[in-house]
Protein backbone atom coordinates (compact mmCIF):
# COMPACT_ATOMS: atom_id res chain seq x y z
CA MET A 1 -89.49 19.49 270.33
CA SER A 2 -88.23 20.68 273.72
CA ARG A 3 -84.53 21.47 273.98
CA PHE A 4 -82.70 20.88 277.26
CA LEU A 5 -79.11 20.86 278.42
CA PHE A 6 -77.86 17.65 280.00
CA GLN A 7 -75.20 18.42 282.61
CA PRO A 8 -72.92 15.41 283.15
CA ASP A 9 -71.94 14.85 286.77
CA PRO A 10 -68.30 15.64 287.65
CA ILE A 11 -65.97 12.64 287.37
CA ASP A 12 -62.69 12.46 289.31
CA GLY A 13 -62.54 16.25 289.65
CA TYR A 14 -63.27 16.92 285.97
CA GLU A 15 -66.24 19.18 285.21
CA PHE A 16 -68.09 19.04 281.89
CA ASN A 17 -69.87 21.48 279.62
CA PRO A 18 -73.63 20.91 279.19
CA ILE A 19 -74.68 18.68 276.28
CA PRO A 20 -77.82 19.73 274.33
CA ILE A 21 -80.58 17.11 274.14
CA ASP A 22 -84.08 17.19 272.65
CA ILE A 23 -87.00 15.51 274.44
CA HIS A 24 -90.29 14.80 272.67
CA LEU A 25 -92.96 12.26 273.58
CA GLY A 26 -90.64 10.26 275.80
CA ILE A 27 -87.85 10.11 273.22
CA ILE A 28 -84.53 11.75 274.03
CA LYS A 29 -82.50 12.75 271.00
CA ILE A 30 -78.87 13.80 271.30
CA PRO A 31 -78.11 16.02 268.31
CA THR A 32 -74.46 16.04 267.28
CA GLU A 33 -72.44 17.15 264.31
CA GLU A 34 -70.19 14.11 264.55
CA ILE A 35 -70.73 10.69 263.07
CA MET A 36 -70.21 8.33 265.99
CA ASP A 37 -69.16 5.20 264.15
CA ASP A 38 -67.53 5.08 260.72
CA PHE A 39 -68.56 1.44 260.30
CA GLY A 40 -72.22 1.85 261.27
CA ILE A 41 -75.13 3.73 259.80
CA ASN A 42 -74.06 7.25 258.90
CA THR A 43 -76.21 9.22 261.27
CA THR A 44 -75.54 12.37 263.22
CA LYS A 45 -78.28 11.83 265.80
CA SER A 46 -78.50 9.33 268.62
CA MET A 47 -81.92 8.46 270.05
CA ILE A 48 -82.70 6.77 273.36
CA VAL A 49 -86.15 5.48 274.25
CA GLY A 50 -86.99 4.53 277.83
CA THR A 51 -89.93 4.21 280.12
CA ASP A 52 -88.84 7.01 282.43
CA ARG A 53 -86.88 10.18 281.66
CA ASN A 54 -84.79 9.83 284.82
CA GLU A 55 -83.91 6.28 283.79
CA VAL A 56 -82.79 7.49 280.39
CA ILE A 57 -80.81 10.42 281.84
CA ASN A 58 -79.12 7.97 284.23
CA ARG A 59 -78.24 5.72 281.27
CA ILE A 60 -76.71 8.71 279.46
CA GLN A 61 -74.67 9.61 282.58
CA THR A 62 -73.51 6.00 283.04
CA ALA A 63 -72.45 5.70 279.40
CA PHE A 64 -70.68 9.08 279.54
CA ALA A 65 -68.83 8.09 282.73
CA ARG A 66 -67.81 4.74 281.20
CA GLU A 67 -66.48 6.40 278.04
CA PHE A 68 -64.67 9.05 280.08
CA GLY A 69 -63.11 6.39 282.32
CA ARG A 70 -61.88 4.47 279.30
CA TYR A 71 -60.71 7.31 277.04
CA GLY A 72 -60.99 10.70 278.77
CA LYS A 73 -57.87 10.51 280.91
CA LEU A 74 -55.59 9.37 278.10
CA LYS A 75 -52.93 11.75 276.93
CA GLU A 76 -52.83 12.35 273.21
CA SER A 77 -49.31 10.87 273.15
CA ASP A 78 -50.72 7.60 274.60
CA ILE A 79 -52.85 7.02 271.50
CA ARG A 80 -51.23 5.05 268.68
CA PRO A 81 -51.17 7.07 265.43
CA MET A 82 -53.24 4.50 263.50
CA ASP A 83 -55.86 4.03 266.24
CA TYR A 84 -58.50 6.27 264.66
CA LYS A 85 -61.39 4.99 266.78
CA THR A 86 -59.68 5.82 270.08
CA LYS A 87 -58.56 9.21 268.73
CA LYS A 88 -62.12 10.04 267.64
CA VAL A 89 -63.67 9.10 271.01
CA TRP A 90 -60.87 10.88 272.92
CA THR A 91 -61.40 14.05 270.89
CA ARG A 92 -65.17 13.96 271.37
CA ILE A 93 -64.88 13.52 275.15
CA ARG A 94 -62.13 16.13 275.54
CA LYS A 95 -64.42 18.71 273.86
CA HIS A 96 -66.90 18.32 276.73
CA ILE A 97 -64.37 18.92 279.53
CA LYS A 98 -64.60 22.41 280.99
CA ASP A 99 -61.41 24.42 280.90
CA LYS A 100 -59.98 24.96 284.37
CA ASP A 101 -59.86 28.69 283.51
CA GLN A 102 -63.68 28.83 283.04
CA GLY A 103 -64.21 27.96 286.71
């Protein structure tokens, strides 16, 4: 399986760290150590199948931008203490933001 780094496009001046992805036979797998949804199937891998790699990469970028727009700019103090789903997504997205010190 070929390993690549997906580099999300900058959004509103925020730069992001590369995200590792695996590509094999037209299937893109996003390995992660996090379980994305506590109420779904307990899996730590997300797979996307498409007809064209560029189409799939564009779908990943669009989904990333949508999630960032919804949760990435929140301050931790804006999240209600019992809102575990928002806290989990916020934490996951914040991990991908490059530190301003890294350049």
